[in-house]
Amino acid sequence: MDYLHEVLADFGPITTRRMFGAHGIYRDGLMFGLLAQGRLYLKTDALNQAEFVAVHSEPFTFEQRGKPVKLSYWLAPEFILDDRALAKAWAQSAFDAALRSQEAKDKGGSKPPWRRA
C-alpha cells in the first residue's frame, strides 16, 4: 500500500480505507480508486472510459447472488505504476470522473422522486 503513496505523490495526498476485503483510495474525501487483490482500479465514467478500453483494461467485477457485478472502476494499466507523471494523469482522470459522479448525486439524481427539488 505504501507504494501507492509514492506512485501518486505528484497527484497529491491520498488516504486509504479498508472496505469489503479491499481498500478504497481517496483524495479530499472522495473515492477515486480501489486496491483489490493487489491490483489498482480507477474510477471511470462516460468521459474517460475509452482511455481504459484503449489499453485493453477491464472493470472490477465481483459475484453477488451468483451473478457478476461490474463496477465503474477499471484496472489501471501497469505502465503507469513506473511513471509518476503518467500515474498523476490517470489518477486525475479518475478523480475527475469521481467528481462528476458526486456532482450528479448532489443534484438529486440519487434522491427519491419525492425528495428532489
PDB file of N, CA and C in Angstrom:
ATOM      1  N   MET A   1       0.831  -1.192   0.000  1.00  0.00           N
ATOM      2  CA  MET A   1       0.000   0.000   0.000  1.00  0.00           C
ATOM      3  C   MET A   1       0.876   1.257   0.000  1.00  0.00           C
ATOM      4  N   ASP A   2       2.016   1.213   0.655  1.00  0.00           N
ATOM      5  CA  ASP A   2       2.900   2.383   0.701  1.00  0.00           C
ATOM      6  C   ASP A   2       3.343   2.819  -0.691  1.00  0.00           C
ATOM      7  N   TYR A   3       3.503   1.846  -1.601  1.00  0.00           N
ATOM      8  CA  TYR A   3       3.957   2.196  -2.943  1.00  0.00           C
ATOM      9  C   TYR A   3       2.954   3.105  -3.645  1.00  0.00           C
ATOM     10  N   LEU A   4       1.662   2.985  -3.331  1.00  0.00           N
ATOM     11  CA  LEU A   4       0.665   3.857  -3.949  1.00  0.00           C
ATOM     12  C   LEU A   4       0.883   5.309  -3.561  1.00  0.00           C
ATOM     13  N   HIS A   5       1.242   5.536  -2.314  1.00  0.00           N
ATOM     14  CA  HIS A   5       1.514   6.902  -1.869  1.00  0.00           C
ATOM     15  C   HIS A   5       2.706   7.476  -2.638  1.00  0.00           C
ATOM     16  N   GLU A   6       3.690   6.636  -2.905  1.00  0.00           N
ATOM     17  CA  GLU A   6       4.867   7.075  -3.656  1.00  0.00           C
ATOM     18  C   GLU A   6       4.516   7.315  -5.129  1.00  0.00           C
ATOM     19  N   VAL A   7       3.833   6.354  -5.733  1.00  0.00           N
ATOM     20  CA  VAL A   7       3.465   6.467  -7.150  1.00  0.00           C
ATOM     21  C   VAL A   7       2.571   7.674  -7.393  1.00  0.00           C
ATOM     22  N   LEU A   8       1.673   7.951  -6.465  1.00  0.00           N
ATOM     23  CA  LEU A   8       0.705   9.038  -6.645  1.00  0.00           C
ATOM     24  C   LEU A   8       1.111  10.331  -5.937  1.00  0.00           C
ATOM     25  N   ALA A   9       2.352  10.424  -5.512  1.00  0.00           N
ATOM     26  CA  ALA A   9       2.818  11.599  -4.769  1.00  0.00           C
ATOM     27  C   ALA A   9       2.626  12.887  -5.561  1.00  0.00           C
ATOM     28  N   ASP A  10       2.849  12.865  -6.865  1.00  0.00           N
ATOM     29  CA  ASP A  10       2.688  14.068  -7.678  1.00  0.00           C
ATOM     30  C   ASP A  10       1.219  14.448  -7.856  1.00  0.00           C
ATOM     31  N   PHE A  11       0.316  13.501  -7.661  1.00  0.00           N
ATOM     32  CA  PHE A  11      -1.116  13.763  -7.767  1.00  0.00           C
ATOM     33  C   PHE A  11      -1.620  14.498  -6.528  1.00  0.00           C
ATOM     34  N   GLY A  12      -0.999  14.230  -5.406  1.00  0.00           N
ATOM     35  CA  GLY A  12      -1.406  14.871  -4.156  1.00  0.00           C
ATOM     36  C   GLY A  12      -1.579  13.837  -3.065  1.00  0.00           C
ATOM     37  N   PRO A  13      -1.868  14.302  -1.864  1.00  0.00           N
ATOM     38  CA  PRO A  13      -2.010  13.360  -0.750  1.00  0.00           C
ATOM     39  C   PRO A  13      -3.250  12.479  -0.917  1.00  0.00           C
ATOM     40  N   ILE A  14      -3.057  11.210  -0.687  1.00  0.00           N
ATOM     41  CA  ILE A  14      -4.172  10.266  -0.749  1.00  0.00           C
ATOM     42  C   ILE A  14      -4.310   9.583   0.606  1.00  0.00           C
ATOM     43  N   THR A  15      -5.483   9.050   0.842  1.00  0.00           N
ATOM     44  CA  THR A  15      -5.725   8.212   2.014  1.00  0.00           C
ATOM     45  C   THR A  15      -6.363   6.919   1.532  1.00  0.00           C
ATOM     46  N   THR A  16      -6.295   5.910   2.355  1.00  0.00           N
ATOM     47  CA  THR A  16      -6.925   4.632   2.025  1.00  0.00           C
ATOM     48  C   THR A  16      -7.808   4.194   3.188  1.00  0.00           C
ATOM     49  N   ARG A  17      -8.860   3.497   2.845  1.00  0.00           N
ATOM     50  CA  ARG A  17      -9.773   2.937   3.850  1.00  0.00           C
ATOM     51  C   ARG A  17     -10.112   1.510   3.461  1.00  0.00           C
ATOM     52  N   ARG A  18     -10.032   0.650   4.438  1.00  0.00           N
ATOM     53  CA  ARG A  18     -10.371  -0.746   4.220  1.00  0.00           C
ATOM     54  C   ARG A  18     -11.871  -0.861   3.995  1.00  0.00           C
ATOM     55  N   MET A  19     -12.237  -1.656   2.987  1.00  0.00           N
ATOM     56  CA  MET A  19     -13.650  -1.868   2.706  1.00  0.00           C
ATOM     57  C   MET A  19     -13.861  -3.198   1.988  1.00  0.00           C
ATOM     58  N   PHE A  20     -14.664  -4.048   2.539  1.00  0.00           N
ATOM     59  CA  PHE A  20     -15.061  -5.297   1.904  1.00  0.00           C
ATOM     60  C   PHE A  20     -13.887  -6.105   1.346  1.00  0.00           C
ATOM     61  N   GLY A  21     -12.824  -6.232   2.104  1.00  0.00           N
ATOM     62  CA  GLY A  21     -11.686  -7.031   1.660  1.00  0.00           C
ATOM     63  C   GLY A  21     -10.784  -6.322   0.673  1.00  0.00           C
ATOM     64  N   ALA A  22     -11.049  -5.049   0.415  1.00  0.00           N
ATOM     65  CA  ALA A  22     -10.232  -4.238  -0.489  1.00  0.00           C
ATOM     66  C   ALA A  22      -9.937  -2.923   0.229  1.00  0.00           C
ATOM     67  N   HIS A  23      -9.361  -1.975  -0.499  1.00  0.00           N
ATOM     68  CA  HIS A  23      -9.091  -0.656   0.059  1.00  0.00           C
ATOM     69  C   HIS A  23      -9.564   0.413  -0.926  1.00  0.00           C
ATOM     70  N   GLY A  24     -10.358   1.343  -0.431  1.00  0.00           N
ATOM     71  CA  GLY A  24     -10.724   2.500  -1.234  1.00  0.00           C
ATOM     72  C   GLY A  24      -9.591   3.499  -1.192  1.00  0.00           C
ATOM     73  N   ILE A  25      -9.350   4.190  -2.284  1.00  0.00           N
ATOM     74  CA  ILE A  25      -8.306   5.201  -2.377  1.00  0.00           C
ATOM     75  C   ILE A  25      -8.992   6.553  -2.558  1.00  0.00           C
ATOM     76  N   TYR A  26      -8.656   7.483  -1.667  1.00  0.00           N
ATOM     77  CA  TYR A  26      -9.361   8.757  -1.589  1.00  0.00           C
ATOM     78  C   TYR A  26      -8.408   9.942  -1.721  1.00  0.00           C
ATOM     79  N   ARG A  27      -8.957  11.019  -2.254  1.00  0.00           N
ATOM     80  CA  ARG A  27      -8.306  12.332  -2.211  1.00  0.00           C
ATOM     81  C   ARG A  27      -9.397  13.318  -1.829  1.00  0.00           C
ATOM     82  N   ASP A  28      -9.114  14.139  -0.856  1.00  0.00           N
ATOM     83  CA  ASP A  28     -10.081  15.128  -0.377  1.00  0.00           C
ATOM     84  C   ASP A  28     -11.418  14.481  -0.007  1.00  0.00           C
ATOM     85  N   GLY A  29     -11.354  13.273   0.539  1.00  0.00           N
ATOM     86  CA  GLY A  29     -12.555  12.577   0.980  1.00  0.00           C
ATOM     87  C   GLY A  29     -13.368  11.923  -0.113  1.00  0.00           C
ATOM     88  N   LEU A  30     -12.899  11.964  -1.339  1.00  0.00           N
ATOM     89  CA  LEU A  30     -13.636  11.411  -2.474  1.00  0.00           C
ATOM     90  C   LEU A  30     -12.910  10.175  -3.014  1.00  0.00           C
ATOM     91  N   MET A  31     -13.608   9.075  -3.103  1.00  0.00           N
ATOM     92  CA  MET A  31     -13.000   7.831  -3.583  1.00  0.00           C
ATOM     93  C   MET A  31     -12.846   7.884  -5.100  1.00  0.00           C
ATOM     94  N   PHE A  32     -11.607   7.670  -5.554  1.00  0.00           N
ATOM     95  CA  PHE A  32     -11.323   7.667  -6.986  1.00  0.00           C
ATOM     96  C   PHE A  32     -10.618   6.389  -7.423  1.00  0.00           C
ATOM     97  N   GLY A  33     -10.274   5.547  -6.472  1.00  0.00           N
ATOM     98  CA  GLY A  33      -9.570   4.320  -6.809  1.00  0.00           C
ATOM     99  C   GLY A  33      -9.909   3.200  -5.845  1.00  0.00           C
ATOM    100  N   LEU A  34      -9.507   2.015  -6.237  1.00  0.00           N
ATOM    101  CA  LEU A  34      -9.770   0.809  -5.463  1.00  0.00           C
ATOM    102  C   LEU A  34      -8.567  -0.105  -5.603  1.00  0.00           C
ATOM    103  N   LEU A  35      -8.071  -0.584  -4.478  1.00  0.00           N
ATOM    104  CA  LEU A  35      -6.996  -1.565  -4.495  1.00  0.00           C
ATOM    105  C   LEU A  35      -7.603  -2.890  -4.052  1.00  0.00           C
ATOM    106  N   ALA A  36      -7.683  -3.824  -4.978  1.00  0.00           N
ATOM    107  CA  ALA A  36      -8.306  -5.122  -4.694  1.00  0.00           C
ATOM    108  C   ALA A  36      -7.433  -6.223  -5.266  1.00  0.00           C
ATOM    109  N   GLN A  37      -7.174  -7.219  -4.454  1.00  0.00           N
ATOM    110  CA  GLN A  37      -6.368  -8.368  -4.872  1.00  0.00           C
ATOM    111  C   GLN A  37      -5.024  -7.914  -5.444  1.00  0.00           C
ATOM    112  N   GLY A  38      -4.460  -6.855  -4.828  1.00  0.00           N
ATOM    113  CA  GLY A  38      -3.163  -6.358  -5.249  1.00  0.00           C
ATOM    114  C   GLY A  38      -3.159  -5.595  -6.559  1.00  0.00           C
ATOM    115  N   ARG A  39      -4.332  -5.251  -7.059  1.00  0.00           N
ATOM    116  CA  ARG A  39      -4.439  -4.555  -8.348  1.00  0.00           C
ATOM    117  C   ARG A  39      -5.120  -3.204  -8.143  1.00  0.00           C
ATOM    118  N   LEU A  40      -4.648  -2.193  -8.868  1.00  0.00           N
ATOM    119  CA  LEU A  40      -5.193  -0.846  -8.776  1.00  0.00           C
ATOM    120  C   LEU A  40      -6.272  -0.647  -9.834  1.00  0.00           C
ATOM    121  N   TYR A  41      -7.429  -0.213  -9.383  1.00  0.00           N
ATOM    122  CA  TYR A  41      -8.546   0.118 -10.260  1.00  0.00           C
ATOM    123  C   TYR A  41      -8.854   1.601 -10.082  1.00  0.00           C
ATOM    124  N   LEU A  42      -9.208   2.281 -11.163  1.00  0.00           N
ATOM    125  CA  LEU A  42      -9.502   3.707 -11.126  1.00  0.00           C
ATOM    126  C   LEU A  42     -10.918   3.980 -11.617  1.00  0.00           C
ATOM    127  N   LYS A  43     -11.516   5.030 -11.077  1.00  0.00           N
ATOM    128  CA  LYS A  43     -12.899   5.407 -11.390  1.00  0.00           C
ATOM    129  C   LYS A  43     -13.030   5.791 -12.858  1.00  0.00           C
ATOM    130  N   THR A  44     -14.091   5.322 -13.476  1.00  0.00           N
ATOM    131  CA  THR A  44     -14.377   5.655 -14.867  1.00  0.00           C
ATOM    132  C   THR A  44     -15.804   6.177 -14.997  1.00  0.00           C
ATOM    133  N   ASP A  45     -16.026   6.858 -16.098  1.00  0.00           N
ATOM    134  CA  ASP A  45     -17.368   7.276 -16.480  1.00  0.00           C
ATOM    135  C   ASP A  45     -17.383   7.392 -18.000  1.00  0.00           C
ATOM    136  N   ALA A  46     -18.424   7.959 -18.539  1.00  0.00           N
ATOM    137  CA  ALA A  46     -18.557   8.050 -20.000  1.00  0.00           C
ATOM    138  C   ALA A  46     -17.454   8.891 -20.639  1.00  0.00           C
ATOM    139  N   LEU A  47     -16.862   9.801 -19.883  1.00  0.00           N
ATOM    140  CA  LEU A  47     -15.855  10.686 -20.460  1.00  0.00           C
ATOM    141  C   LEU A  47     -14.438  10.113 -20.468  1.00  0.00           C
ATOM    142  N   ASN A  48     -14.127   9.185 -19.573  1.00  0.00           N
ATOM    143  CA  ASN A  48     -12.756   8.654 -19.553  1.00  0.00           C
ATOM    144  C   ASN A  48     -12.656   7.144 -19.781  1.00  0.00           C
ATOM    145  N   GLN A  49     -13.756   6.465 -19.894  1.00  0.00           N
ATOM    146  CA  GLN A  49     -13.722   5.008 -20.038  1.00  0.00           C
ATOM    147  C   GLN A  49     -12.978   4.569 -21.296  1.00  0.00           C
ATOM    148  N   ALA A  50     -13.047   5.356 -22.352  1.00  0.00           N
ATOM    149  CA  ALA A  50     -12.368   4.985 -23.598  1.00  0.00           C
ATOM    150  C   ALA A  50     -10.855   4.860 -23.407  1.00  0.00           C
ATOM    151  N   GLU A  51     -10.280   5.653 -22.492  1.00  0.00           N
ATOM    152  CA  GLU A  51      -8.849   5.549 -22.197  1.00  0.00           C
ATOM    153  C   GLU A  51      -8.509   4.143 -21.691  1.00  0.00           C
ATOM    154  N   PHE A  52      -9.386   3.586 -20.891  1.00  0.00           N
ATOM    155  CA  PHE A  52      -9.168   2.262 -20.317  1.00  0.00           C
ATOM    156  C   PHE A  52      -9.408   1.172 -21.358  1.00  0.00           C
ATOM    157  N   VAL A  53     -10.425   1.370 -22.171  1.00  0.00           N
ATOM    158  CA  VAL A  53     -10.705   0.413 -23.242  1.00  0.00           C
ATOM    159  C   VAL A  53      -9.525   0.356 -24.209  1.00  0.00           C
ATOM    160  N   ALA A  54      -8.934   1.520 -24.486  1.00  0.00           N
ATOM    161  CA  ALA A  54      -7.816   1.600 -25.435  1.00  0.00           C
ATOM    162  C   ALA A  54      -6.596   0.791 -24.991  1.00  0.00           C
ATOM    163  N   VAL A  55      -6.442   0.606 -23.678  1.00  0.00           N
ATOM    164  CA  VAL A  55      -5.293  -0.172 -23.185  1.00  0.00           C
ATOM    165  C   VAL A  55      -5.723  -1.584 -22.761  1.00  0.00           C
ATOM    166  N   HIS A  56      -6.887  -1.995 -23.246  1.00  0.00           N
ATOM    167  CA  HIS A  56      -7.408  -3.349 -23.011  1.00  0.00           C
ATOM    168  C   HIS A  56      -7.603  -3.645 -21.525  1.00  0.00           C
ATOM    169  N   SER A  57      -8.066  -2.648 -20.801  1.00  0.00           N
ATOM    170  CA  SER A  57      -8.357  -2.800 -19.384  1.00  0.00           C
ATOM    171  C   SER A  57      -9.701  -3.501 -19.218  1.00  0.00           C
ATOM    172  N   GLU A  58     -10.050  -3.749 -17.981  1.00  0.00           N
ATOM    173  CA  GLU A  58     -11.332  -4.392 -17.685  1.00  0.00           C
ATOM    174  C   GLU A  58     -11.864  -3.862 -16.365  1.00  0.00           C
ATOM    175  N   PRO A  59     -13.185  -3.866 -16.206  1.00  0.00           N
ATOM    176  CA  PRO A  59     -13.755  -3.345 -14.963  1.00  0.00           C
ATOM    177  C   PRO A  59     -13.567  -4.324 -13.799  1.00  0.00           C
ATOM    178  N   PHE A  60     -13.561  -3.762 -12.605  1.00  0.00           N
ATOM    179  CA  PHE A  60     -13.557  -4.598 -11.410  1.00  0.00           C
ATOM    180  C   PHE A  60     -14.902  -5.313 -11.358  1.00  0.00           C
ATOM    181  N   THR A  61     -14.865  -6.607 -11.217  1.00  0.00           N
ATOM    182  CA  THR A  61     -16.077  -7.419 -11.220  1.00  0.00           C
ATOM    183  C   THR A  61     -16.071  -8.341 -10.011  1.00  0.00           C
ATOM    184  N   PHE A  62     -17.214  -8.470  -9.381  1.00  0.00           N
ATOM    185  CA  PHE A  62     -17.366  -9.430  -8.290  1.00  0.00           C
ATOM    186  C   PHE A  62     -18.701 -10.143  -8.463  1.00  0.00           C
ATOM    187  N   GLU A  63     -18.857 -11.220  -7.733  1.00  0.00           N
ATOM    188  CA  GLU A  63     -20.084 -12.001  -7.859  1.00  0.00           C
ATOM    189  C   GLU A  63     -21.005 -11.710  -6.682  1.00  0.00           C
ATOM    190  N   GLN A  64     -22.273 -11.454  -7.009  1.00  0.00           N
ATOM    191  CA  GLN A  64     -23.286 -11.219  -5.991  1.00  0.00           C
ATOM    192  C   GLN A  64     -24.521 -12.031  -6.338  1.00  0.00           C
ATOM    193  N   ARG A  65     -24.915 -12.888  -5.437  1.00  0.00           N
ATOM    194  CA  ARG A  65     -26.079 -13.760  -5.654  1.00  0.00           C
ATOM    195  C   ARG A  65     -25.953 -14.569  -6.940  1.00  0.00           C
ATOM    196  N   GLY A  66     -24.731 -15.018  -7.200  1.00  0.00           N
ATOM    197  CA  GLY A  66     -24.491 -15.871  -8.346  1.00  0.00           C
ATOM    198  C   GLY A  66     -24.373 -15.149  -9.679  1.00  0.00           C
ATOM    199  N   LYS A  67     -24.383 -13.807  -9.656  1.00  0.00           N
ATOM    200  CA  LYS A  67     -24.284 -13.053 -10.895  1.00  0.00           C
ATOM    201  C   LYS A  67     -23.113 -12.075 -10.820  1.00  0.00           C
ATOM    202  N   PRO A  68     -22.419 -11.877 -11.955  1.00  0.00           N
ATOM    203  CA  PRO A  68     -21.310 -10.915 -11.944  1.00  0.00           C
ATOM    204  C   PRO A  68     -21.821  -9.469 -11.879  1.00  0.00           C
ATOM    205  N   VAL A  69     -21.148  -8.664 -11.067  1.00  0.00           N
ATOM    206  CA  VAL A  69     -21.465  -7.248 -10.932  1.00  0.00           C
ATOM    207  C   VAL A  69     -20.207  -6.471 -11.327  1.00  0.00           C
ATOM    208  N   LYS A  70     -20.347  -5.577 -12.305  1.00  0.00           N
ATOM    209  CA  LYS A  70     -19.219  -4.772 -12.762  1.00  0.00           C
ATOM    210  C   LYS A  70     -19.343  -3.370 -12.171  1.00  0.00           C
ATOM    211  N   LEU A  71     -18.253  -2.884 -11.613  1.00  0.00           N
ATOM    212  CA  LEU A  71     -18.228  -1.536 -11.052  1.00  0.00           C
ATOM    213  C   LEU A  71     -17.610  -0.560 -12.051  1.00  0.00           C
ATOM    214  N   SER A  72     -17.744   0.710 -11.769  1.00  0.00           N
ATOM    215  CA  SER A  72     -17.177   1.738 -12.643  1.00  0.00           C
ATOM    216  C   SER A  72     -15.731   2.048 -12.244  1.00  0.00           C
ATOM    217  N   TYR A  73     -15.029   1.035 -11.810  1.00  0.00           N
ATOM    218  CA  TYR A  73     -13.598   1.124 -11.517  1.00  0.00           C
ATOM    219  C   TYR A  73     -12.908   0.124 -12.438  1.00  0.00           C
ATOM    220  N   TRP A  74     -12.015   0.624 -13.268  1.00  0.00           N
ATOM    221  CA  TRP A  74     -11.332  -0.214 -14.254  1.00  0.00           C
ATOM    222  C   TRP A  74      -9.868  -0.366 -13.887  1.00  0.00           C
ATOM    223  N   LEU A  75      -9.308  -1.490 -14.261  1.00  0.00           N
ATOM    224  CA  LEU A  75      -7.918  -1.807 -13.957  1.00  0.00           C
ATOM    225  C   LEU A  75      -6.982  -0.766 -14.561  1.00  0.00           C
ATOM    226  N   ALA A  76      -6.142  -0.188 -13.717  1.00  0.00           N
ATOM    227  CA  ALA A  76      -5.161   0.783 -14.193  1.00  0.00           C
ATOM    228  C   ALA A  76      -4.071   0.037 -14.963  1.00  0.00           C
ATOM    229  N   PRO A  77      -3.625   0.594 -16.062  1.00  0.00           N
ATOM    230  CA  PRO A  77      -2.551  -0.076 -16.809  1.00  0.00           C
ATOM    231  C   PRO A  77      -1.269  -0.100 -15.966  1.00  0.00           C
ATOM    232  N   GLU A  78      -0.576  -1.214 -16.014  1.00  0.00           N
ATOM    233  CA  GLU A  78       0.623  -1.377 -15.188  1.00  0.00           C
ATOM    234  C   GLU A  78       1.697  -0.356 -15.502  1.00  0.00           C
ATOM    235  N   PHE A  79       1.757   0.115 -16.752  1.00  0.00           N
ATOM    236  CA  PHE A  79       2.834   1.039 -17.110  1.00  0.00           C
ATOM    237  C   PHE A  79       2.768   2.359 -16.344  1.00  0.00           C
ATOM    238  N   ILE A  80       1.619   2.721 -15.781  1.00  0.00           N
ATOM    239  CA  ILE A  80       1.557   3.977 -15.030  1.00  0.00           C
ATOM    240  C   ILE A  80       2.224   3.857 -13.665  1.00  0.00           C
ATOM    241  N   LEU A  81       2.376   2.628 -13.180  1.00  0.00           N
ATOM    242  CA  LEU A  81       2.959   2.428 -11.855  1.00  0.00           C
ATOM    243  C   LEU A  81       4.456   2.715 -11.828  1.00  0.00           C
ATOM    244  N   ASP A  82       5.073   2.791 -13.002  1.00  0.00           N
ATOM    245  CA  ASP A  82       6.501   3.073 -13.098  1.00  0.00           C
ATOM    246  C   ASP A  82       6.793   4.498 -13.549  1.00  0.00           C
ATOM    247  N   ASP A  83       5.759   5.313 -13.697  1.00  0.00           N
ATOM    248  CA  ASP A  83       5.943   6.660 -14.215  1.00  0.00           C
ATOM    249  C   ASP A  83       5.019   7.608 -13.452  1.00  0.00           C
ATOM    250  N   ARG A  84       5.596   8.406 -12.560  1.00  0.00           N
ATOM    251  CA  ARG A  84       4.777   9.258 -11.695  1.00  0.00           C
ATOM    252  C   ARG A  84       3.968  10.281 -12.479  1.00  0.00           C
ATOM    253  N   ALA A  85       4.484  10.755 -13.600  1.00  0.00           N
ATOM    254  CA  ALA A  85       3.730  11.722 -14.411  1.00  0.00           C
ATOM    255  C   ALA A  85       2.498  11.055 -15.024  1.00  0.00           C
ATOM    256  N   LEU A  86       2.659   9.844 -15.531  1.00  0.00           N
ATOM    257  CA  LEU A  86       1.518   9.108 -16.079  1.00  0.00           C
ATOM    258  C   LEU A  86       0.529   8.744 -14.966  1.00  0.00           C
ATOM    259  N   ALA A  87       1.054   8.330 -13.825  1.00  0.00           N
ATOM    260  CA  ALA A  87       0.194   7.983 -12.698  1.00  0.00           C
ATOM    261  C   ALA A  87      -0.639   9.193 -12.280  1.00  0.00           C
ATOM    262  N   LYS A  88      -0.014  10.358 -12.268  1.00  0.00           N
ATOM    263  CA  LYS A  88      -0.730  11.590 -11.914  1.00  0.00           C
ATOM    264  C   LYS A  88      -1.855  11.859 -12.917  1.00  0.00           C
ATOM    265  N   ALA A  89      -1.562  11.731 -14.197  1.00  0.00           N
ATOM    266  CA  ALA A  89      -2.566  11.998 -15.233  1.00  0.00           C
ATOM    267  C   ALA A  89      -3.744  11.034 -15.139  1.00  0.00           C
ATOM    268  N   TRP A  90      -3.455   9.754 -14.971  1.00  0.00           N
ATOM    269  CA  TRP A  90      -4.528   8.764 -14.880  1.00  0.00           C
ATOM    270  C   TRP A  90      -5.321   8.940 -13.585  1.00  0.00           C
ATOM    271  N   ALA A  91      -4.641   9.259 -12.489  1.00  0.00           N
ATOM    272  CA  ALA A  91      -5.335   9.492 -11.216  1.00  0.00           C
ATOM    273  C   ALA A  91      -6.218  10.733 -11.327  1.00  0.00           C
ATOM    274  N   GLN A  92      -5.732  11.771 -11.994  1.00  0.00           N
ATOM    275  CA  GLN A  92      -6.537  12.985 -12.166  1.00  0.00           C
ATOM    276  C   GLN A  92      -7.780  12.691 -12.990  1.00  0.00           C
ATOM    277  N   SER A  93      -7.631  11.883 -14.031  1.00  0.00           N
ATOM    278  CA  SER A  93      -8.774  11.493 -14.849  1.00  0.00           C
ATOM    279  C   SER A  93      -9.812  10.742 -14.005  1.00  0.00           C
ATOM    280  N   ALA A  94      -9.342   9.845 -13.156  1.00  0.00           N
ATOM    281  CA  ALA A  94     -10.241   9.083 -12.275  1.00  0.00           C
ATOM    282  C   ALA A  94     -10.889   9.996 -11.244  1.00  0.00           C
ATOM    283  N   PHE A  95     -10.114  10.917 -10.692  1.00  0.00           N
ATOM    284  CA  PHE A  95     -10.648  11.859  -9.708  1.00  0.00           C
ATOM    285  C   PHE A  95     -11.715  12.746 -10.356  1.00  0.00           C
ATOM    286  N   ASP A  96     -11.462  13.194 -11.584  1.00  0.00           N
ATOM    287  CA  ASP A  96     -12.449  13.993 -12.301  1.00  0.00           C
ATOM    288  C   ASP A  96     -13.744  13.209 -12.519  1.00  0.00           C
ATOM    289  N   ALA A  97     -13.619  11.918 -12.840  1.00  0.00           N
ATOM    290  CA  ALA A  97     -14.809  11.071 -13.002  1.00  0.00           C
ATOM    291  C   ALA A  97     -15.558  10.955 -11.675  1.00  0.00           C
ATOM    292  N   ALA A  98     -14.820  10.817 -10.581  1.00  0.00           N
ATOM    293  CA  ALA A  98     -15.445  10.734  -9.260  1.00  0.00           C
ATOM    294  C   ALA A  98     -16.148  12.052  -8.916  1.00  0.00           C
ATOM    295  N   LEU A  99     -15.529  13.174  -9.263  1.00  0.00           N
ATOM    296  CA  LEU A  99     -16.161  14.481  -9.035  1.00  0.00           C
ATOM    297  C   LEU A  99     -17.463  14.604  -9.833  1.00  0.00           C
ATOM    298  N   ARG A 100     -17.434  14.200 -11.092  1.00  0.00           N
ATOM    299  CA  ARG A 100     -18.651  14.269 -11.918  1.00  0.00           C
ATOM    300  C   ARG A 100     -19.748  13.387 -11.339  1.00  0.00           C
ATOM    301  N   SER A 101     -19.370  12.215 -10.867  1.00  0.00           N
ATOM    302  CA  SER A 101     -20.339  11.301 -10.266  1.00  0.00           C
ATOM    303  C   SER A 101     -20.948  11.910  -9.004  1.00  0.00           C
ATOM    304  N   GLN A 102     -20.102  12.521  -8.188  1.00  0.00           N
ATOM    305  CA  GLN A 102     -20.579  13.154  -6.958  1.00  0.00           C
ATOM    306  C   GLN A 102     -21.484  14.343  -7.267  1.00  0.00           C
ATOM    307  N   GLU A 103     -21.118  15.123  -8.264  1.00  0.00           N
ATOM    308  CA  GLU A 103     -21.943  16.267  -8.653  1.00  0.00           C
ATOM    309  C   GLU A 103     -23.321  15.810  -9.118  1.00  0.00           C
ATOM    310  N   ALA A 104     -23.370  14.718  -9.855  1.00  0.00           N
ATOM    311  CA  ALA A 104     -24.656  14.182 -10.319  1.00  0.00           C
ATOM    312  C   ALA A 104     -25.510  13.747  -9.133  1.00  0.00           C
ATOM    313  N   LYS A 105     -24.877  13.116  -8.155  1.00  0.00           N
ATOM    314  CA  LYS A 105     -25.613  12.707  -6.949  1.00  0.00           C
ATOM    315  C   LYS A 105     -26.109  13.918  -6.179  1.00  0.00           C
ATOM    316  N   ASP A 106     -25.257  14.934  -6.073  1.00  0.00           N
ATOM    317  CA  ASP A 106     -25.624  16.138  -5.333  1.00  0.00           C
ATOM    318  C   ASP A 106     -26.766  16.903  -5.983  1.00  0.00           C
ATOM    319  N   LYS A 107     -26.929  16.764  -7.285  1.00  0.00           N
ATOM    320  CA  LYS A 107     -28.011  17.459  -7.990  1.00  0.00           C
ATOM    321  C   LYS A 107     -29.348  16.750  -7.815  1.00  0.00           C
ATOM    322  N   GLY A 108     -29.367  15.675  -7.060  1.00  0.00           N
ATOM    323  CA  GLY A 108     -30.624  14.999  -6.784  1.00  0.00           C
ATOM    324  C   GLY A 108     -30.839  13.733  -7.562  1.00  0.00           C
ATOM    325  N   GLY A 109     -29.866  13.342  -8.373  1.00  0.00           N
ATOM    326  CA  GLY A 109     -30.031  12.136  -9.178  1.00  0.00           C
ATOM    327  C   GLY A 109     -30.187  10.881  -8.349  1.00  0.00           C
ATOM    328  N   SER A 110     -29.684  10.877  -7.112  1.00  0.00           N
ATOM    329  CA  SER A 110     -29.794   9.668  -6.316  1.00  0.00           C
ATOM    330  C   SER A 110     -30.902   9.774  -5.272  1.00  0.00           C
ATOM    331  N   LYS A 111     -31.600  10.912  -5.229  1.00  0.00           N
ATOM    332  CA  LYS A 111     -32.687  11.076  -4.265  1.00  0.00           C
ATOM    333  C   LYS A 111     -33.964  10.485  -4.839  1.00  0.00           C
ATOM    334  N   PRO A 112     -34.838  10.005  -3.961  1.00  0.00           N
ATOM    335  CA  PRO A 112     -36.146   9.530  -4.452  1.00  0.00           C
ATOM    336  C   PRO A 112     -36.912  10.706  -5.072  1.00  0.00           C
ATOM    337  N   PRO A 113     -37.801  10.420  -5.999  1.00  0.00           N
ATOM    338  CA  PRO A 113     -38.524  11.480  -6.713  1.00  0.00           C
ATOM    339  C   PRO A 113     -39.209  12.476  -5.781  1.00  0.00           C
ATOM    340  N   TRP A 114     -39.732  12.032  -4.657  1.00  0.00           N
ATOM    341  CA  TRP A 114     -40.451  12.919  -3.763  1.00  0.00           C
ATOM    342  C   TRP A 114     -39.528  13.851  -2.972  1.00  0.00           C
ATOM    343  N   ARG A 115     -38.195  13.605  -3.023  1.00  0.00           N
ATOM    344  CA  ARG A 115     -37.258  14.462  -2.303  1.00  0.00           C
ATOM    345  C   ARG A 115     -36.483  15.376  -3.233  1.00  0.00           C
ATOM    346  N   ARG A 116     -36.676  15.256  -4.533  1.00  0.00           N
ATOM    347  CA  ARG A 116     -35.970  16.106  -5.471  1.00  0.00           C
ATOM    348  C   ARG A 116     -36.586  17.498  -5.507  1.00  0.00           C
ATOM    349  N   ALA A 117     -35.741  18.490  -5.551  1.00  0.00           N
ATOM    350  CA  ALA A 117     -36.252  19.870  -5.573  1.00  0.00           C
ATOM    351  C   ALA A 117     -36.392  20.359  -6.999  1.00  0.00           C
TER     352      ALA A 117
END
